[in-house]
Amino acid sequence: LSQFCRGSLNFCLPRPQLRRKLFAAMDSKEAQSQITQMISFIASEAQDRASEIQKKGEEEFSIEVHRLITEQKEKVRQTYEKKVKQIETQ
């Protein structure tokens, strides 16, 4: 292997073909790192969104339960008043 040495620090690089492979490997590692970061970001955003959807669903469920309970209480109250009137008129 022939090497090209540069500067006073005696920094040597391998032949041009190997150098290209080395830089391609570094680019590939950098690309993989960026992909990993993107995947992590997307997963985090998806988790946040899923949490928001879950919270909204729980809130809507709670509101609907409250509405149904209130509606049924009103029906019971009306039925009770109706029976009280029937008893009073007998």
Protein backbone atom coordinates (compact mmCIF):
# COMPACT_ATOMS: atom_id res chain seq x y z
CA LEU A 1 0.00 0.00 0.00
CA SER A 2 1.35 3.31 -0.97
CA GLN A 3 0.43 6.26 1.21
CA PHE A 4 0.28 10.00 0.66
CA CYS A 5 1.61 11.95 3.60
CA ARG A 6 0.58 15.54 4.26
CA GLY A 7 1.78 18.29 6.53
CA SER A 8 4.16 18.35 9.41
CA LEU A 9 1.86 16.16 11.54
CA ASN A 10 2.75 13.28 9.26
CA PHE A 11 -0.93 12.57 8.53
CA CYS A 12 -0.98 9.78 5.97
CA LEU A 13 -3.90 8.66 3.83
CA PRO A 14 -4.19 5.36 1.95
CA ARG A 15 -4.28 5.09 -1.82
CA PRO A 16 -7.03 7.06 -3.58
CA GLN A 17 -9.22 3.96 -4.13
CA LEU A 18 -9.10 3.05 -0.45
CA ARG A 19 -9.57 6.68 0.51
CA ARG A 20 -12.79 6.83 -1.52
CA LYS A 21 -14.03 3.66 0.20
CA LEU A 22 -13.08 5.10 3.58
CA PHE A 23 -14.96 8.34 2.91
CA ALA A 24 -17.91 6.38 1.48
CA ALA A 25 -17.98 4.30 4.65
CA MET A 26 -17.92 7.45 6.78
CA ASP A 27 -20.70 8.92 4.66
CA SER A 28 -22.61 5.67 5.08
CA LYS A 29 -22.06 5.81 8.85
CA GLU A 30 -23.17 9.43 8.91
CA ALA A 31 -26.21 8.57 6.80
CA GLN A 32 -27.05 5.68 9.12
CA SER A 33 -26.68 8.01 12.09
CA GLN A 34 -29.00 10.55 10.49
CA ILE A 35 -31.50 7.82 9.62
CA THR A 36 -31.40 6.59 13.20
CA GLN A 37 -32.01 10.13 14.46
CA MET A 38 -34.92 10.57 12.04
CA ILE A 39 -36.45 7.27 13.11
CA SER A 40 -36.10 8.28 16.74
CA PHE A 41 -37.69 11.67 16.05
CA ILE A 42 -40.59 10.15 14.09
CA ALA A 43 -41.19 7.53 16.80
CA SER A 44 -41.18 10.25 19.45
CA GLU A 45 -43.62 12.39 17.48
CA ALA A 46 -45.86 9.37 16.91
CA GLN A 47 -45.80 8.57 20.63
CA ASP A 48 -46.70 12.18 21.47
CA ARG A 49 -49.54 12.15 18.93
CA ALA A 50 -50.83 8.81 20.23
CA SER A 51 -50.80 10.24 23.74
CA GLU A 52 -52.75 13.30 22.60
CA ILE A 53 -55.32 11.11 20.84
CA GLN A 54 -55.66 8.90 23.93
CA LYS A 55 -56.15 11.95 26.18
CA LYS A 56 -58.74 13.46 23.82
CA GLY A 57 -60.60 10.14 23.67
CA GLU A 58 -60.67 9.89 27.46
CA GLU A 59 -61.98 13.47 27.72
CA GLU A 60 -64.70 12.81 25.14
CA PHE A 61 -65.65 9.59 26.93
CA SER A 62 -65.91 11.43 30.23
CA ILE A 63 -68.08 14.14 28.66
CA GLU A 64 -70.36 11.54 27.07
CA VAL A 65 -70.72 9.61 30.34
CA HIS A 66 -71.60 12.85 32.14
CA ARG A 67 -74.15 13.70 29.46
CA LEU A 68 -75.79 10.27 29.67
CA ILE A 69 -75.92 10.37 33.47
CA THR A 70 -77.47 13.84 33.44
CA GLU A 71 -79.98 12.75 30.80
CA GLN A 72 -80.99 9.65 32.80
CA LYS A 73 -81.29 11.66 36.03
CA GLU A 74 -83.65 14.04 34.25
CA LYS A 75 -85.77 11.11 33.00
CA VAL A 76 -85.93 9.65 36.52
CA ARG A 77 -86.90 13.06 37.93
CA GLN A 78 -89.65 13.49 35.31
CA THR A 79 -90.95 9.99 35.96
CA TYR A 80 -90.99 10.67 39.70
CA GLU A 81 -92.90 13.96 39.23
CA LYS A 82 -95.38 12.22 36.97
CA LYS A 83 -96.04 9.50 39.58
CA VAL A 84 -96.36 12.09 42.35
CA LYS A 85 -99.04 13.91 40.29
CA GLN A 86 -100.85 10.64 39.62
CA ILE A 87 -100.90 9.86 43.34
CA GLU A 88 -102.10 13.38 44.20
CA THR A 89 -104.97 13.20 41.71
CA GLN A 90 -106.28 9.81 42.91
